[in-house]
N, C-alpha and C. Protein backbone atom coordinates (compact mmCIF):
# COMPACT_ATOMS: atom_id res chain seq x y z
N MET A 1 0.83 -1.34 0.16
CA MET A 1 0.00 -0.01 0.08
C MET A 1 0.70 1.21 0.16
N LEU A 2 1.92 1.34 0.65
CA LEU A 2 2.80 2.47 1.07
C LEU A 2 3.45 2.89 -0.57
N ASP A 3 3.78 1.43 -0.97
CA ASP A 3 4.66 1.45 -2.36
C ASP A 3 3.42 2.32 -3.43
N ARG A 4 2.68 1.86 -3.20
CA ARG A 4 1.66 2.37 -4.22
C ARG A 4 1.38 3.78 -3.98
N LEU A 5 1.03 4.73 -2.62
CA LEU A 5 1.24 5.69 -2.39
C LEU A 5 2.30 6.29 -2.98
N LYS A 6 3.82 6.09 -2.69
CA LYS A 6 4.76 6.59 -3.38
C LYS A 6 4.73 6.83 -4.80
N GLN A 7 4.46 6.04 -5.63
CA GLN A 7 4.27 6.03 -6.87
C GLN A 7 3.20 6.92 -7.81
N TRP A 8 1.83 6.65 -6.80
CA TRP A 8 0.86 7.99 -6.89
C TRP A 8 1.78 9.23 -6.83
N ALA A 9 2.13 9.31 -5.67
CA ALA A 9 3.17 10.63 -5.46
C ALA A 9 4.19 11.37 -6.69
N LYS A 10 4.50 10.03 -6.80
CA LYS A 10 5.98 10.53 -7.91
C LYS A 10 5.08 10.90 -9.27
N ALA A 11 4.05 9.78 -9.52
CA ALA A 11 3.37 10.24 -10.91
C ALA A 11 2.65 12.02 -10.86
N LEU A 12 2.13 12.17 -9.65
CA LEU A 12 1.56 13.52 -9.58
C LEU A 12 2.80 14.61 -9.61
N LYS A 13 3.74 14.13 -8.95
CA LYS A 13 4.89 15.00 -9.33
C LYS A 13 5.19 15.47 -10.64
N ASN A 14 5.39 14.21 -11.20
CA ASN A 14 5.44 14.41 -12.78
C ASN A 14 4.76 15.10 -13.87
N GLU A 15 3.39 14.95 -13.39
CA GLU A 15 2.38 15.40 -13.99
C GLU A 15 2.37 16.88 -13.56
N ILE A 16 2.67 17.75 -12.48
CA ILE A 16 2.85 18.96 -12.34
C ILE A 16 4.04 19.61 -12.78
N THR A 17 5.36 18.84 -13.15
CA THR A 17 6.11 19.26 -14.09
C THR A 17 5.88 19.35 -15.63
N ALA A 18 5.07 18.43 -16.19
CA ALA A 18 4.61 18.41 -17.69
C ALA A 18 3.95 19.69 -17.65
N LEU A 19 3.29 19.59 -16.73
CA LEU A 19 1.52 21.25 -16.84
C LEU A 19 2.98 22.30 -16.96
N PHE A 20 3.80 22.56 -16.02
CA PHE A 20 4.68 23.75 -16.02
C PHE A 20 5.32 23.85 -17.79
N TYR A 21 5.92 22.40 -18.06
CA TYR A 21 6.54 22.52 -19.30
C TYR A 21 5.80 23.10 -20.35
N VAL A 22 4.36 22.51 -19.95
CA VAL A 22 3.08 22.90 -21.25
C VAL A 22 2.66 24.50 -21.11
N SER A 23 2.82 25.12 -19.93
CA SER A 23 2.45 26.44 -19.91
C SER A 23 3.59 27.22 -20.68
N LYS A 24 4.67 26.58 -20.70
CA LYS A 24 5.93 27.38 -21.42
C LYS A 24 5.32 27.47 -22.86
N GLU A 25 4.84 26.62 -23.34
CA GLU A 25 4.49 25.62 -24.69
C GLU A 25 3.43 26.87 -25.71
N GLY A 26 2.41 27.79 -25.07
CA GLY A 26 1.62 28.82 -25.43
C GLY A 26 0.25 28.17 -25.44
N PRO A 27 -0.53 27.49 -24.52
CA PRO A 27 -1.74 26.90 -24.46
C PRO A 27 -2.45 28.41 -24.42
N SER A 28 -3.67 27.84 -24.80
CA SER A 28 -4.55 29.28 -24.75
C SER A 28 -4.70 30.17 -23.57
N LEU A 29 -5.40 31.33 -23.57
CA LEU A 29 -5.12 31.71 -22.00
C LEU A 29 -5.63 31.31 -20.77
N GLY A 30 -7.19 30.74 -21.24
CA GLY A 30 -8.04 29.91 -20.19
C GLY A 30 -7.07 28.99 -19.59
N VAL A 31 -6.45 28.29 -20.59
CA VAL A 31 -5.77 27.16 -19.96
C VAL A 31 -4.21 27.36 -19.18
N LYS A 32 -3.89 28.26 -19.62
CA LYS A 32 -2.59 29.11 -19.00
C LYS A 32 -3.08 29.35 -17.62
N ILE A 33 -4.12 30.04 -17.59
CA ILE A 33 -4.78 30.22 -16.28
C ILE A 33 -5.05 29.20 -15.22
N LEU A 34 -5.68 28.13 -15.87
CA LEU A 34 -5.96 26.77 -15.19
C LEU A 34 -4.92 25.93 -14.44
N ILE A 35 -3.74 26.07 -15.40
CA ILE A 35 -2.19 25.59 -15.15
C ILE A 35 -1.82 26.33 -14.00
N GLY A 36 -1.71 27.74 -13.96
CA GLY A 36 -1.17 28.66 -13.50
C GLY A 36 -1.95 28.69 -11.87
N ILE A 37 -3.04 28.37 -11.56
CA ILE A 37 -3.64 28.11 -10.60
C ILE A 37 -3.52 26.71 -10.11
N THR A 38 -3.27 25.57 -10.63
CA THR A 38 -2.78 24.21 -10.47
C THR A 38 -1.44 24.21 -9.78
N LEU A 39 -0.57 24.78 -10.83
CA LEU A 39 1.15 25.22 -10.25
C LEU A 39 0.73 25.73 -8.74
N ALA A 40 0.13 26.98 -8.76
CA ALA A 40 0.08 27.84 -7.46
C ALA A 40 -0.28 27.08 -6.56
N TYR A 41 -1.30 26.13 -6.73
CA TYR A 41 -2.02 25.48 -5.08
C TYR A 41 -1.00 24.16 -4.93
N ALA A 42 -0.42 23.85 -6.33
CA ALA A 42 0.58 22.62 -5.55
C ALA A 42 1.81 23.01 -4.80
N LEU A 43 2.42 24.28 -5.54
CA LEU A 43 3.40 24.39 -5.03
C LEU A 43 3.44 25.42 -3.62
N SER A 44 1.89 26.00 -3.01
CA SER A 44 1.88 26.97 -2.04
C SER A 44 2.24 25.79 -0.92
N PRO A 45 2.94 26.65 0.08
CA PRO A 45 2.93 26.42 1.22
C PRO A 45 1.94 26.38 2.05
N ILE A 46 0.99 26.58 1.89
CA ILE A 46 -0.28 27.17 2.69
C ILE A 46 -1.33 26.36 1.66
N ASP A 47 -1.80 25.15 2.77
CA ASP A 47 -3.22 24.49 1.92
C ASP A 47 -4.57 25.12 2.02
N LEU A 48 -5.54 25.15 1.53
CA LEU A 48 -6.64 25.65 1.68
C LEU A 48 -7.37 25.27 2.87
N ILE A 49 -7.13 24.13 3.14
CA ILE A 49 -7.78 23.55 4.76
C ILE A 49 -6.72 23.12 5.34
N PRO A 50 -6.19 23.38 6.06
CA PRO A 50 -4.85 23.37 6.93
C PRO A 50 -4.61 22.02 7.40
N ASP A 51 -3.44 21.13 7.16
CA ASP A 51 -3.36 19.83 7.26
C ASP A 51 -3.75 19.13 8.89
N PHE A 52 -3.75 20.15 9.99
CA PHE A 52 -3.66 19.85 11.43
C PHE A 52 -4.78 19.69 11.51
N ILE A 53 -6.04 20.13 10.65
CA ILE A 53 -7.49 19.28 10.90
C ILE A 53 -7.81 18.12 10.60
N PRO A 54 -8.35 17.40 11.47
CA PRO A 54 -8.45 16.14 10.84
C PRO A 54 -8.79 15.55 10.17
N VAL A 55 -8.77 14.72 9.37
CA VAL A 55 -9.43 14.23 8.02
C VAL A 55 -9.47 15.39 6.87
N LEU A 56 -10.18 16.64 7.27
CA LEU A 56 -10.51 17.39 6.35
C LEU A 56 -9.05 18.12 5.74
N GLY A 57 -7.67 18.01 6.65
CA GLY A 57 -6.75 18.59 6.10
C GLY A 57 -6.14 18.12 5.36
N TYR A 58 -6.18 16.79 5.07
CA TYR A 58 -5.49 16.14 3.80
C TYR A 58 -6.70 15.85 2.82
N LEU A 59 -7.80 16.34 2.83
CA LEU A 59 -8.76 16.13 1.95
C LEU A 59 -8.40 16.64 0.82
N ASP A 60 -8.21 18.01 1.14
CA ASP A 60 -7.80 18.99 0.08
C ASP A 60 -6.53 18.67 -0.96
N ASP A 61 -5.56 17.87 -0.31
CA ASP A 61 -4.57 17.31 -1.08
C ASP A 61 -4.85 16.05 -1.66
N LEU A 62 -5.84 15.20 -1.19
CA LEU A 62 -6.12 14.03 -1.83
C LEU A 62 -7.06 14.25 -2.98
N ILE A 63 -7.74 15.39 -2.99
CA ILE A 63 -9.11 15.72 -3.96
C ILE A 63 -8.75 16.61 -4.66
N ILE A 64 -8.62 18.04 -4.08
CA ILE A 64 -8.73 19.29 -4.90
C ILE A 64 -7.62 19.09 -5.84
N LEU A 65 -6.05 19.00 -5.47
CA LEU A 65 -4.99 19.01 -6.31
C LEU A 65 -5.23 18.01 -7.51
N PRO A 66 -5.76 16.67 -6.92
CA PRO A 66 -5.51 15.82 -8.42
C PRO A 66 -6.81 16.17 -9.73
N VAL A 67 -7.82 16.93 -8.88
CA VAL A 67 -8.82 17.29 -9.86
C VAL A 67 -8.48 18.20 -10.16
N LEU A 68 -7.55 19.57 -9.91
CA LEU A 68 -7.27 20.56 -10.79
C LEU A 68 -6.01 20.15 -12.04
N ILE A 69 -5.28 18.90 -11.51
CA ILE A 69 -4.45 18.44 -12.11
C ILE A 69 -5.14 17.71 -13.40
N TYR A 70 -6.09 16.82 -13.02
CA TYR A 70 -6.83 16.02 -14.07
C TYR A 70 -7.85 17.31 -15.17
N LEU A 71 -8.16 18.40 -14.67
CA LEU A 71 -8.78 19.04 -15.26
C LEU A 71 -7.94 19.91 -16.33
N SER A 72 -6.60 20.61 -16.02
CA SER A 72 -5.77 21.06 -16.73
C SER A 72 -5.27 20.18 -17.74
N ILE A 73 -5.16 18.92 -17.77
CA ILE A 73 -4.59 17.81 -18.61
C ILE A 73 -5.38 17.69 -19.51
N ARG A 74 -6.83 17.82 -18.93
CA ARG A 74 -8.02 17.52 -20.00
C ARG A 74 -8.07 18.36 -21.28
N LEU A 75 -7.40 19.80 -20.95
CA LEU A 75 -7.71 20.56 -21.90
C LEU A 75 -6.48 21.27 -22.91
N ILE A 76 -5.30 19.97 -22.42
CA ILE A 76 -4.37 20.48 -23.41
C ILE A 76 -4.39 19.14 -24.47
N PRO A 77 -4.09 19.42 -25.45
CA PRO A 77 -3.61 18.58 -26.64
C PRO A 77 -2.90 17.18 -26.30
N LYS A 78 -2.94 16.34 -26.44
CA LYS A 78 -2.61 14.74 -26.44
C LYS A 78 -0.99 14.80 -26.72
N ASP A 79 -0.48 15.34 -27.70
CA ASP A 79 0.76 15.46 -28.11
C ASP A 79 1.57 16.49 -27.49
N LEU A 80 1.26 17.13 -27.05
CA LEU A 80 1.33 18.48 -26.33
C LEU A 80 1.84 18.00 -24.96
N MET A 81 0.75 17.15 -24.40
CA MET A 81 1.10 16.88 -23.03
C MET A 81 1.66 15.62 -23.13
N ASP A 82 2.03 14.86 -24.14
CA ASP A 82 2.86 13.55 -24.31
C ASP A 82 4.19 13.98 -24.14
N LYS A 83 4.66 15.04 -25.06
CA LYS A 83 6.02 15.66 -25.18
C LYS A 83 6.43 16.01 -23.92
N ALA A 84 5.46 17.02 -23.36
CA ALA A 84 5.91 17.62 -21.89
C ALA A 84 6.24 16.89 -20.98
N ARG A 85 5.60 15.15 -20.51
CA ARG A 85 5.94 14.09 -19.66
C ARG A 85 6.98 13.59 -19.99
N VAL A 86 7.69 13.34 -21.38
CA VAL A 86 8.76 12.90 -21.88
C VAL A 86 9.65 14.20 -21.17
N LYS A 87 9.67 15.10 -21.55
CA LYS A 87 10.75 16.45 -20.69
C LYS A 87 10.67 16.55 -19.40
N ALA A 88 9.57 16.11 -18.59
CA ALA A 88 9.22 15.96 -17.36
C ALA A 88 9.97 15.12 -16.48
N GLN A 89 10.03 13.97 -17.26
CA GLN A 89 10.53 12.35 -16.77
C GLN A 89 12.37 13.08 -17.02
N TYR A 90 12.51 13.46 -18.13
CA TYR A 90 14.31 13.28 -18.42
C TYR A 90 14.76 14.72 -17.64
N GLN A 91 13.97 15.71 -17.51
CA GLN A 91 14.21 16.93 -17.22
C GLN A 91 13.76 17.64 -16.03
N PRO A 92 13.62 17.02 -14.78
CA PRO A 92 12.68 17.30 -13.46
C PRO A 92 13.13 18.68 -13.00
N ILE A 93 12.23 19.73 -12.53
CA ILE A 93 12.55 20.83 -12.26
C ILE A 93 13.23 20.50 -10.73
N LYS A 94 14.27 21.24 -10.24
CA LYS A 94 15.03 21.60 -8.86
C LYS A 94 14.64 22.96 -8.46
N LEU A 95 13.94 23.25 -7.65
CA LEU A 95 13.14 24.42 -6.89
C LEU A 95 14.08 24.79 -6.01
N LYS A 96 14.71 26.03 -6.16
CA LYS A 96 15.36 26.80 -5.17
C LYS A 96 14.40 27.35 -3.93
N LYS A 97 15.17 27.26 -2.78
CA LYS A 97 14.58 28.39 -1.92
C LYS A 97 14.30 29.54 -1.94
N ASN A 98 12.92 30.24 -2.44
CA ASN A 98 12.75 31.81 -2.62
C ASN A 98 11.89 31.87 -1.60
N TRP A 99 12.59 32.88 -0.93
CA TRP A 99 11.63 33.53 0.12
C TRP A 99 10.66 34.85 -0.05
N LEU A 100 11.17 35.26 -0.99
CA LEU A 100 10.64 36.09 -1.86
C LEU A 100 8.63 35.71 -2.20
N MET A 101 9.18 34.50 -2.96
CA MET A 101 8.01 33.85 -3.24
C MET A 101 6.96 33.36 -2.17
N ALA A 102 7.91 32.64 -1.30
CA ALA A 102 7.00 32.49 -0.02
C ALA A 102 6.27 33.82 0.20
N VAL A 103 6.76 34.91 0.38
CA VAL A 103 5.94 36.22 0.69
C VAL A 103 4.85 36.59 0.29
N LEU A 104 5.41 36.25 -1.10
CA LEU A 104 4.45 36.40 -1.98
C LEU A 104 3.41 35.90 -2.14
N ILE A 105 3.06 34.33 -2.02
CA ILE A 105 2.18 33.21 -2.03
C ILE A 105 1.42 33.74 -0.30
N ILE A 106 1.94 33.75 0.74
CA ILE A 106 1.15 34.18 1.54
C ILE A 106 0.54 35.44 1.82
N VAL A 107 1.33 36.17 1.41
CA VAL A 107 0.47 37.61 1.17
C VAL A 107 -1.07 36.95 0.25
N PHE A 108 -0.59 36.54 -1.04
CA PHE A 108 -1.78 35.90 -2.04
C PHE A 108 -3.02 35.75 -1.03
N TRP A 109 -2.84 34.48 -0.12
CA TRP A 109 -3.77 33.48 0.10
C TRP A 109 -4.55 34.83 1.52
N LEU A 110 -3.38 35.68 1.99
CA LEU A 110 -3.82 36.37 3.19
C LEU A 110 -5.16 37.64 2.57
N LEU A 111 -4.92 37.82 1.36
CA LEU A 111 -5.68 38.76 0.32
C LEU A 111 -7.31 37.94 -0.02
N ILE A 112 -7.26 36.70 -0.27
CA ILE A 112 -8.34 35.82 -0.66
C ILE A 112 -8.84 36.01 0.61
N ILE A 113 -7.91 35.65 1.77
CA ILE A 113 -8.78 35.15 2.95
C ILE A 113 -9.54 36.44 3.51
N LEU A 114 -9.31 37.66 3.25
CA LEU A 114 -9.89 39.26 3.72
C LEU A 114 -10.55 39.34 2.55
N GLY A 115 -10.78 38.83 1.47
CA GLY A 115 -11.49 39.40 0.41
C GLY A 115 -12.98 38.48 0.89
N ILE A 116 -12.54 37.34 1.10
CA ILE A 116 -13.96 36.11 1.60
C ILE A 116 -14.44 36.70 2.86
N LEU A 117 -13.69 37.47 3.88
CA LEU A 117 -14.33 37.60 5.24
C LEU A 117 -14.91 39.35 4.74
N VAL A 118 -14.28 39.89 4.22
CA VAL A 118 -15.13 41.33 3.99
C VAL A 118 -16.22 41.69 3.18
């Protein structure tokens, strides 16, 4: 069971990397926006539902992220996605620690929360 979860997580990581490469290829604006939301959610250090909340905390990671990935992939032409998957497999992206981006993501989420509360 644990091996299956690890394989699933690795496959999701590869799909996220492939989506990044697709976004550079120039899909339509709507698809780029959805891919941007998917990538931002996947890379965001802040979850929509915090992980410390029992059961619900992991629900967003198990449902929301795969749904965003699935929707993004459905809107991308198959040949473009296949090329991006191959590239993602052989050229994985190594992210550096970027404190500025972390601060921007936190500010972004705070603005969303503020917008909901007001």
